[in-house]
Amino acid sequence: MSASPAAPFGTGEIYRVDWLPGTDVLRGTCHCGREHTAQDPIEMWEWMLAHPQGHEPQGNSS
């Protein structure tokens, strides 16, 4: 069984980083839907990887 391209490591979590054209700003979106902006790609990935564990994707309520 192979992992899908959207989740190559089989975690089911998708992280997305977009560059905002005309700026030096990156916008990251966590699998839960929370967003963060930064100019430094290292800062962006540190935020992504440190983002709280155990939170639910948007639309899921406990």
C-alpha atoms as a PDB file:
ATOM      1  CA  MET A   1       0.000   0.000   0.000  1.00  0.00           C
ATOM      2  CA  SER A   2       1.392   3.396  -0.925  1.00  0.00           C
ATOM      3  CA  ALA A   3       0.624   6.812   0.526  1.00  0.00           C
ATOM      4  CA  SER A   4      -1.318   9.316  -1.560  1.00  0.00           C
ATOM      5  CA  PRO A   5       0.473  12.377  -2.975  1.00  0.00           C
ATOM      6  CA  ALA A   6      -1.622  14.603  -0.673  1.00  0.00           C
ATOM      7  CA  ALA A   7      -0.398  12.744   2.419  1.00  0.00           C
ATOM      8  CA  PRO A   8       2.921  11.147   1.501  1.00  0.00           C
ATOM      9  CA  PHE A   9       3.735  10.133   5.081  1.00  0.00           C
ATOM     10  CA  GLY A  10       0.345   8.594   5.855  1.00  0.00           C
ATOM     11  CA  THR A  11      -0.510  11.027   8.677  1.00  0.00           C
ATOM     12  CA  GLY A  12      -3.631  12.423   7.009  1.00  0.00           C
ATOM     13  CA  GLU A  13      -2.447  15.907   7.952  1.00  0.00           C
ATOM     14  CA  ILE A  14      -1.945  18.396   5.138  1.00  0.00           C
ATOM     15  CA  TYR A  15       0.074  21.554   5.613  1.00  0.00           C
ATOM     16  CA  ARG A  16       0.098  24.241   2.945  1.00  0.00           C
ATOM     17  CA  VAL A  17       2.384  27.217   2.405  1.00  0.00           C
ATOM     18  CA  ASP A  18       1.507  29.865  -0.180  1.00  0.00           C
ATOM     19  CA  TRP A  19       3.548  32.846  -1.273  1.00  0.00           C
ATOM     20  CA  LEU A  20       1.512  36.052  -1.404  1.00  0.00           C
ATOM     21  CA  PRO A  21       2.422  37.569  -4.816  1.00  0.00           C
ATOM     22  CA  GLY A  22       3.896  41.057  -4.724  1.00  0.00           C
ATOM     23  CA  THR A  23       5.129  40.586  -1.152  1.00  0.00           C
ATOM     24  CA  ASP A  24       7.799  38.715   0.772  1.00  0.00           C
ATOM     25  CA  VAL A  25       5.090  37.083   2.877  1.00  0.00           C
ATOM     26  CA  LEU A  26       4.356  33.362   3.171  1.00  0.00           C
ATOM     27  CA  ARG A  27       0.955  32.195   4.405  1.00  0.00           C
ATOM     28  CA  GLY A  28       0.839  28.794   6.034  1.00  0.00           C
ATOM     29  CA  THR A  29      -2.329  26.814   6.621  1.00  0.00           C
ATOM     30  CA  CYS A  30      -2.400  23.963   9.106  1.00  0.00           C
ATOM     31  CA  HIS A  31      -4.506  20.829   8.555  1.00  0.00           C
ATOM     32  CA  CYS A  32      -6.953  22.293  11.107  1.00  0.00           C
ATOM     33  CA  GLY A  33      -7.466  25.429   8.994  1.00  0.00           C
ATOM     34  CA  ARG A  34      -5.546  27.837  11.233  1.00  0.00           C
ATOM     35  CA  GLU A  35      -3.357  30.284   9.298  1.00  0.00           C
ATOM     36  CA  HIS A  36      -0.068  32.037  10.048  1.00  0.00           C
ATOM     37  CA  THR A  37       2.011  34.496   8.025  1.00  0.00           C
ATOM     38  CA  ALA A  38       5.772  35.003   8.058  1.00  0.00           C
ATOM     39  CA  GLN A  39       8.524  36.299   5.805  1.00  0.00           C
ATOM     40  CA  ASP A  40      11.006  33.620   6.863  1.00  0.00           C
ATOM     41  CA  PRO A  41      10.363  30.081   5.561  1.00  0.00           C
ATOM     42  CA  ILE A  42      12.140  28.567   8.568  1.00  0.00           C
ATOM     43  CA  GLU A  43       9.858  30.492  10.932  1.00  0.00           C
ATOM     44  CA  MET A  44       6.852  29.257   8.938  1.00  0.00           C
ATOM     45  CA  TRP A  45       7.829  25.576   9.161  1.00  0.00           C
ATOM     46  CA  GLU A  46       8.703  25.894  12.835  1.00  0.00           C
ATOM     47  CA  TRP A  47       5.193  27.248  13.441  1.00  0.00           C
ATOM     48  CA  MET A  48       3.662  24.439  11.396  1.00  0.00           C
ATOM     49  CA  LEU A  49       5.580  21.722  13.225  1.00  0.00           C
ATOM     50  CA  ALA A  50       5.021  23.266  16.679  1.00  0.00           C
ATOM     51  CA  HIS A  51       1.305  23.933  16.111  1.00  0.00           C
ATOM     52  CA  PRO A  52      -0.708  22.263  18.890  1.00  0.00           C
ATOM     53  CA  GLN A  53      -1.175  18.513  18.672  1.00  0.00           C
ATOM     54  CA  GLY A  54      -4.627  16.997  19.034  1.00  0.00           C
ATOM     55  CA  HIS A  55      -6.655  19.854  17.612  1.00  0.00           C
ATOM     56  CA  GLU A  56      -9.493  19.116  15.219  1.00  0.00           C
ATOM     57  CA  PRO A  57      -9.878  20.254  11.599  1.00  0.00           C
ATOM     58  CA  GLN A  58     -12.341  23.097  11.013  1.00  0.00           C
ATOM     59  CA  GLY A  59     -15.938  21.930  10.936  1.00  0.00           C
ATOM     60  CA  ASN A  60     -15.440  19.275  13.623  1.00  0.00           C
ATOM     61  CA  SER A  61     -16.736  20.170  17.054  1.00  0.00           C
ATOM     62  CA  SER A  62     -16.382  18.266  20.297  1.00  0.00           C
END
